[in-house]
Amino acid sequence: WDRTAQCTALAQLCLDGHYRTLRGLACLVEKDWLALGHRFELRAAPGAAAPGDQCAPVFAQFLCCAHTLLVQHPTAFEYNARLLAFLDTHALSARFATLLADCDAQRAADRAAHPTAPSLWDAVL
């Protein structure tokens, strides 16, 4: 299911200008990555001493492809490469609670346990 999120999110970037805005990108990540259950913790293994065999740079690959689209059509995007690099960095940094968990239930439990954990979108928007 990792590839499904990559392909559909990239198609939406190409087809719908809304997703090429800051709020649109936030919506796209929330909708196609977080709500559909991309396993950020398992794939990124933030802070793991030795990442397991399930570790894969799936979200980073999406961001790399989005960067390629951005380079090809720089005036079509409201954001720039710095934002994509910021997302990539913090998908691994564990600084923001937004991209840490593997599912919505785990994110909700994390928010309940740490209600002051910063949101990635508060920093971006």
N, C-alpha and C. Protein backbone atom coordinates (compact mmCIF):
# COMPACT_ATOMS: atom_id res chain seq x y z
N TRP A 1 0.81 -1.20 0.00
CA TRP A 1 0.00 0.00 0.00
C TRP A 1 0.85 1.26 0.00
N ASP A 2 2.13 1.13 0.23
CA ASP A 2 3.03 2.29 0.18
C ASP A 2 3.04 2.94 -1.20
N ARG A 3 3.08 2.11 -2.21
CA ARG A 3 3.14 2.65 -3.58
C ARG A 3 1.84 3.32 -3.98
N THR A 4 0.72 2.86 -3.43
CA THR A 4 -0.57 3.48 -3.73
C THR A 4 -0.56 4.94 -3.28
N ALA A 5 -0.09 5.19 -2.07
CA ALA A 5 -0.02 6.57 -1.56
C ALA A 5 0.90 7.41 -2.43
N GLN A 6 2.04 6.86 -2.81
CA GLN A 6 2.96 7.61 -3.68
C GLN A 6 2.31 7.97 -5.00
N CYS A 7 1.74 7.00 -5.67
CA CYS A 7 1.17 7.22 -7.01
C CYS A 7 -0.02 8.15 -6.99
N THR A 8 -0.94 7.94 -6.06
CA THR A 8 -2.13 8.79 -6.03
C THR A 8 -1.78 10.22 -5.63
N ALA A 9 -0.87 10.38 -4.69
CA ALA A 9 -0.48 11.73 -4.27
C ALA A 9 0.23 12.47 -5.41
N LEU A 10 1.08 11.79 -6.14
CA LEU A 10 1.76 12.43 -7.27
C LEU A 10 0.77 12.77 -8.39
N ALA A 11 -0.16 11.89 -8.65
CA ALA A 11 -1.18 12.17 -9.67
C ALA A 11 -1.99 13.41 -9.27
N GLN A 12 -2.32 13.52 -8.01
CA GLN A 12 -3.09 14.68 -7.55
C GLN A 12 -2.28 15.96 -7.65
N LEU A 13 -0.98 15.88 -7.39
CA LEU A 13 -0.12 17.05 -7.57
C LEU A 13 -0.14 17.52 -9.03
N CYS A 14 -0.14 16.56 -9.94
CA CYS A 14 -0.14 16.90 -11.36
C CYS A 14 -1.50 17.43 -11.82
N LEU A 15 -2.58 16.86 -11.33
CA LEU A 15 -3.90 17.13 -11.87
C LEU A 15 -4.66 18.26 -11.20
N ASP A 16 -4.37 18.53 -9.95
CA ASP A 16 -5.16 19.51 -9.21
C ASP A 16 -4.26 20.58 -8.60
N GLY A 17 -4.42 21.81 -9.05
CA GLY A 17 -3.60 22.92 -8.57
C GLY A 17 -3.74 23.19 -7.08
N HIS A 18 -4.85 22.77 -6.48
CA HIS A 18 -5.02 22.96 -5.04
C HIS A 18 -3.88 22.31 -4.26
N TYR A 19 -3.44 21.14 -4.70
CA TYR A 19 -2.40 20.42 -3.97
C TYR A 19 -1.00 20.99 -4.19
N ARG A 20 -0.92 22.00 -5.03
CA ARG A 20 0.36 22.69 -5.24
C ARG A 20 0.44 23.97 -4.41
N THR A 21 -0.53 24.16 -3.49
CA THR A 21 -0.48 25.25 -2.52
C THR A 21 -0.01 24.69 -1.19
N LEU A 22 0.35 25.57 -0.26
CA LEU A 22 0.79 25.11 1.07
C LEU A 22 -0.31 24.32 1.78
N ARG A 23 -1.49 24.89 1.83
CA ARG A 23 -2.61 24.21 2.49
C ARG A 23 -2.99 22.93 1.74
N GLY A 24 -2.88 22.97 0.43
CA GLY A 24 -3.19 21.79 -0.37
C GLY A 24 -2.21 20.66 -0.11
N LEU A 25 -0.93 20.99 0.03
CA LEU A 25 0.07 19.96 0.34
C LEU A 25 -0.21 19.35 1.71
N ALA A 26 -0.54 20.20 2.67
CA ALA A 26 -0.89 19.70 4.01
C ALA A 26 -2.09 18.76 3.92
N CYS A 27 -3.09 19.16 3.16
CA CYS A 27 -4.29 18.34 2.97
C CYS A 27 -3.93 17.01 2.31
N LEU A 28 -3.08 17.06 1.30
CA LEU A 28 -2.67 15.85 0.57
C LEU A 28 -1.94 14.87 1.49
N VAL A 29 -1.02 15.37 2.28
CA VAL A 29 -0.29 14.50 3.20
C VAL A 29 -1.24 13.93 4.26
N GLU A 30 -2.11 14.77 4.79
CA GLU A 30 -3.08 14.29 5.79
C GLU A 30 -4.00 13.23 5.20
N LYS A 31 -4.48 13.48 3.99
CA LYS A 31 -5.48 12.60 3.37
C LYS A 31 -4.86 11.31 2.84
N ASP A 32 -3.82 11.42 2.04
CA ASP A 32 -3.29 10.25 1.34
C ASP A 32 -2.19 9.51 2.09
N TRP A 33 -1.61 10.14 3.07
CA TRP A 33 -0.55 9.47 3.83
C TRP A 33 -0.99 9.15 5.25
N LEU A 34 -1.48 10.13 5.97
CA LEU A 34 -1.84 9.90 7.37
C LEU A 34 -3.17 9.16 7.52
N ALA A 35 -4.23 9.67 6.91
CA ALA A 35 -5.55 9.07 7.08
C ALA A 35 -5.63 7.66 6.49
N LEU A 36 -4.91 7.42 5.42
CA LEU A 36 -4.95 6.09 4.81
C LEU A 36 -3.97 5.11 5.45
N GLY A 37 -3.25 5.56 6.45
CA GLY A 37 -2.48 4.63 7.27
C GLY A 37 -1.07 4.31 6.82
N HIS A 38 -0.38 5.28 6.20
CA HIS A 38 1.04 5.02 5.91
C HIS A 38 1.77 4.82 7.23
N ARG A 39 2.59 3.83 7.29
CA ARG A 39 3.26 3.44 8.53
C ARG A 39 4.57 4.22 8.69
N PHE A 40 4.44 5.48 9.08
CA PHE A 40 5.60 6.36 9.22
C PHE A 40 6.61 5.80 10.21
N GLU A 41 6.15 5.35 11.34
CA GLU A 41 7.07 4.86 12.37
C GLU A 41 7.82 3.61 11.90
N LEU A 42 7.12 2.69 11.30
CA LEU A 42 7.74 1.45 10.83
C LEU A 42 8.70 1.72 9.67
N ARG A 43 8.29 2.56 8.73
CA ARG A 43 9.10 2.82 7.54
C ARG A 43 10.31 3.70 7.83
N ALA A 44 10.12 4.71 8.67
CA ALA A 44 11.22 5.65 8.93
C ALA A 44 12.09 5.21 10.09
N ALA A 45 11.51 4.50 11.04
CA ALA A 45 12.22 4.05 12.24
C ALA A 45 12.99 5.18 12.90
N PRO A 46 12.30 6.31 13.25
CA PRO A 46 13.03 7.43 13.84
C PRO A 46 13.64 7.06 15.18
N GLY A 47 14.90 7.34 15.35
CA GLY A 47 15.58 7.08 16.60
C GLY A 47 15.98 5.64 16.82
N ALA A 48 15.69 4.76 15.88
CA ALA A 48 16.04 3.35 16.06
C ALA A 48 17.55 3.16 15.91
N ALA A 49 18.11 2.38 16.81
CA ALA A 49 19.55 2.11 16.73
C ALA A 49 19.87 1.30 15.48
N ALA A 50 19.01 0.33 15.18
CA ALA A 50 19.18 -0.50 13.99
C ALA A 50 17.81 -0.67 13.33
N PRO A 51 17.56 0.08 12.25
CA PRO A 51 16.25 -0.05 11.59
C PRO A 51 15.99 -1.48 11.14
N GLY A 52 14.73 -1.89 11.25
CA GLY A 52 14.36 -3.24 10.86
C GLY A 52 14.24 -3.41 9.36
N ASP A 53 13.84 -4.61 8.94
CA ASP A 53 13.74 -4.90 7.52
C ASP A 53 12.53 -4.25 6.87
N GLN A 54 11.64 -3.63 7.67
CA GLN A 54 10.47 -2.93 7.13
C GLN A 54 10.77 -1.45 6.85
N CYS A 55 11.96 -1.02 7.20
CA CYS A 55 12.35 0.38 7.00
C CYS A 55 12.50 0.65 5.49
N ALA A 56 11.85 1.70 5.01
CA ALA A 56 11.91 2.04 3.58
C ALA A 56 11.62 3.53 3.42
N PRO A 57 12.30 4.19 2.51
CA PRO A 57 12.15 5.64 2.34
C PRO A 57 10.97 6.02 1.43
N VAL A 58 9.80 5.47 1.70
CA VAL A 58 8.66 5.64 0.81
C VAL A 58 8.21 7.11 0.76
N PHE A 59 8.06 7.74 1.91
CA PHE A 59 7.65 9.15 1.94
C PHE A 59 8.74 10.03 1.33
N ALA A 60 9.98 9.71 1.60
CA ALA A 60 11.09 10.48 1.00
C ALA A 60 11.08 10.36 -0.52
N GLN A 61 10.74 9.20 -1.04
CA GLN A 61 10.65 9.03 -2.49
C GLN A 61 9.54 9.91 -3.07
N PHE A 62 8.41 9.98 -2.37
CA PHE A 62 7.33 10.87 -2.81
C PHE A 62 7.82 12.31 -2.85
N LEU A 63 8.50 12.74 -1.79
CA LEU A 63 9.00 14.11 -1.74
C LEU A 63 10.01 14.38 -2.85
N CYS A 64 10.83 13.39 -3.16
CA CYS A 64 11.80 13.52 -4.25
C CYS A 64 11.09 13.68 -5.59
N CYS A 65 10.05 12.91 -5.81
CA CYS A 65 9.27 13.03 -7.05
C CYS A 65 8.56 14.38 -7.10
N ALA A 66 8.03 14.84 -5.97
CA ALA A 66 7.39 16.15 -5.91
C ALA A 66 8.41 17.24 -6.22
N HIS A 67 9.63 17.07 -5.75
CA HIS A 67 10.70 18.02 -6.05
C HIS A 67 10.99 18.06 -7.55
N THR A 68 10.99 16.90 -8.19
CA THR A 68 11.20 16.85 -9.64
C THR A 68 10.12 17.63 -10.37
N LEU A 69 8.87 17.45 -9.96
CA LEU A 69 7.77 18.22 -10.55
C LEU A 69 7.96 19.71 -10.32
N LEU A 70 8.40 20.06 -9.12
CA LEU A 70 8.62 21.45 -8.77
C LEU A 70 9.72 22.08 -9.64
N VAL A 71 10.78 21.34 -9.88
CA VAL A 71 11.87 21.84 -10.72
C VAL A 71 11.40 22.02 -12.16
N GLN A 72 10.57 21.10 -12.63
CA GLN A 72 10.08 21.17 -14.00
C GLN A 72 9.07 22.30 -14.20
N HIS A 73 8.30 22.61 -13.16
CA HIS A 73 7.24 23.62 -13.25
C HIS A 73 7.29 24.53 -12.02
N PRO A 74 8.33 25.33 -11.86
CA PRO A 74 8.52 26.10 -10.62
C PRO A 74 7.41 27.12 -10.35
N THR A 75 6.80 27.67 -11.37
CA THR A 75 5.76 28.67 -11.13
C THR A 75 4.41 28.06 -10.80
N ALA A 76 4.27 26.76 -10.93
CA ALA A 76 2.99 26.09 -10.65
C ALA A 76 2.81 25.78 -9.17
N PHE A 77 3.86 25.93 -8.37
CA PHE A 77 3.81 25.54 -6.96
C PHE A 77 3.92 26.77 -6.06
N GLU A 78 3.15 26.75 -4.98
CA GLU A 78 3.21 27.82 -3.98
C GLU A 78 4.38 27.62 -3.01
N TYR A 79 4.85 26.41 -2.90
CA TYR A 79 5.96 26.10 -2.00
C TYR A 79 7.21 25.81 -2.81
N ASN A 80 8.32 25.62 -2.10
CA ASN A 80 9.60 25.42 -2.78
C ASN A 80 10.32 24.18 -2.25
N ALA A 81 11.51 23.97 -2.75
CA ALA A 81 12.30 22.79 -2.37
C ALA A 81 12.66 22.80 -0.88
N ARG A 82 12.78 23.97 -0.30
CA ARG A 82 13.10 24.04 1.13
C ARG A 82 12.00 23.40 1.98
N LEU A 83 10.75 23.59 1.58
CA LEU A 83 9.66 22.97 2.33
C LEU A 83 9.69 21.46 2.19
N LEU A 84 9.96 20.96 0.99
CA LEU A 84 10.03 19.52 0.80
C LEU A 84 11.18 18.92 1.61
N ALA A 85 12.30 19.62 1.65
CA ALA A 85 13.44 19.16 2.47
C ALA A 85 13.08 19.20 3.96
N PHE A 86 12.34 20.22 4.36
CA PHE A 86 11.89 20.34 5.75
C PHE A 86 11.01 19.14 6.12
N LEU A 87 10.07 18.80 5.24
CA LEU A 87 9.20 17.65 5.48
C LEU A 87 10.01 16.36 5.56
N ASP A 88 10.95 16.20 4.67
CA ASP A 88 11.79 15.00 4.68
C ASP A 88 12.60 14.90 5.96
N THR A 89 13.19 15.99 6.35
CA THR A 89 14.00 16.01 7.58
C THR A 89 13.15 15.64 8.79
N HIS A 90 11.97 16.23 8.89
CA HIS A 90 11.18 16.03 10.09
C HIS A 90 10.30 14.78 10.05
N ALA A 91 10.25 14.12 8.92
CA ALA A 91 9.63 12.80 8.90
C ALA A 91 10.53 11.81 9.63
N LEU A 92 11.81 12.14 9.73
CA LEU A 92 12.78 11.28 10.42
C LEU A 92 13.20 11.81 11.79
N SER A 93 12.99 13.09 12.04
CA SER A 93 13.55 13.71 13.24
C SER A 93 12.78 13.40 14.53
N ALA A 94 11.52 13.05 14.42
CA ALA A 94 10.65 12.82 15.58
C ALA A 94 10.40 14.10 16.37
N ARG A 95 10.67 15.26 15.75
CA ARG A 95 10.42 16.54 16.42
C ARG A 95 8.94 16.87 16.47
N PHE A 96 8.23 16.51 15.41
CA PHE A 96 6.80 16.80 15.32
C PHE A 96 6.01 15.50 15.45
N ALA A 97 4.92 15.56 16.18
CA ALA A 97 4.10 14.37 16.40
C ALA A 97 3.33 13.95 15.15
N THR A 98 3.19 14.85 14.19
CA THR A 98 2.35 14.61 13.02
C THR A 98 2.78 13.39 12.22
N LEU A 99 4.07 13.19 12.02
CA LEU A 99 4.56 12.12 11.15
C LEU A 99 5.22 10.98 11.92
N LEU A 100 4.79 10.75 13.15
CA LEU A 100 5.46 9.72 13.95
C LEU A 100 4.79 8.36 13.92
N ALA A 101 3.50 8.31 14.02
CA ALA A 101 2.81 7.04 14.27
C ALA A 101 2.48 6.29 12.99
N ASP A 102 2.01 5.06 13.18
CA ASP A 102 1.65 4.20 12.05
C ASP A 102 0.17 4.26 11.68
N CYS A 103 -0.67 4.87 12.52
CA CYS A 103 -2.11 4.93 12.22
C CYS A 103 -2.74 6.06 13.03
N ASP A 104 -3.98 6.40 12.67
CA ASP A 104 -4.69 7.47 13.37
C ASP A 104 -4.90 7.16 14.84
N ALA A 105 -5.20 5.91 15.17
CA ALA A 105 -5.43 5.55 16.57
C ALA A 105 -4.17 5.76 17.40
N GLN A 106 -3.03 5.39 16.84
CA GLN A 106 -1.76 5.58 17.55
C GLN A 106 -1.44 7.07 17.69
N ARG A 107 -1.73 7.87 16.64
CA ARG A 107 -1.51 9.32 16.72
C ARG A 107 -2.41 9.94 17.78
N ALA A 108 -3.67 9.50 17.86
CA ALA A 108 -4.61 10.01 18.87
C ALA A 108 -4.12 9.67 20.27
N ALA A 109 -3.62 8.46 20.46
CA ALA A 109 -3.09 8.06 21.77
C ALA A 109 -1.85 8.89 22.12
N ASP A 110 -1.01 9.14 21.13
CA ASP A 110 0.19 9.96 21.36
C ASP A 110 -0.20 11.39 21.73
N ARG A 111 -1.23 11.93 21.04
CA ARG A 111 -1.69 13.30 21.36
C ARG A 111 -2.25 13.37 22.77
N ALA A 112 -2.96 12.32 23.19
CA ALA A 112 -3.51 12.29 24.54
C ALA A 112 -2.39 12.21 25.58
N ALA A 113 -1.36 11.44 25.29
CA ALA A 113 -0.24 11.28 26.22
C ALA A 113 0.65 12.52 26.25
N HIS A 114 0.78 13.20 25.10
CA HIS A 114 1.64 14.38 24.99
C HIS A 114 0.88 15.50 24.29
N PRO A 115 -0.06 16.13 24.99
CA PRO A 115 -0.93 17.13 24.34
C PRO A 115 -0.19 18.38 23.86
N THR A 116 1.01 18.61 24.34
CA THR A 116 1.75 19.81 23.92
C THR A 116 2.74 19.53 22.79
N ALA A 117 2.75 18.31 22.27
CA ALA A 117 3.66 17.97 21.17
C ALA A 117 3.34 18.86 19.97
N PRO A 118 4.37 19.45 19.36
CA PRO A 118 4.12 20.38 18.26
C PRO A 118 3.61 19.68 17.01
N SER A 119 2.75 20.38 16.27
CA SER A 119 2.24 19.88 15.01
C SER A 119 3.13 20.38 13.88
N LEU A 120 3.40 19.53 12.94
CA LEU A 120 4.19 19.91 11.77
C LEU A 120 3.51 21.04 11.00
N TRP A 121 2.21 20.97 10.89
CA TRP A 121 1.49 21.98 10.09
C TRP A 121 1.46 23.32 10.76
N ASP A 122 1.52 23.38 12.09
CA ASP A 122 1.62 24.67 12.77
C ASP A 122 2.93 25.36 12.39
N ALA A 123 3.98 24.60 12.27
CA ALA A 123 5.28 25.16 11.90
C ALA A 123 5.31 25.59 10.44
N VAL A 124 4.65 24.82 9.58
CA VAL A 124 4.67 25.10 8.13
C VAL A 124 3.73 26.23 7.75
N LEU A 125 2.50 26.18 8.26
CA LEU A 125 1.50 27.17 7.86
C LEU A 125 1.59 28.42 8.70
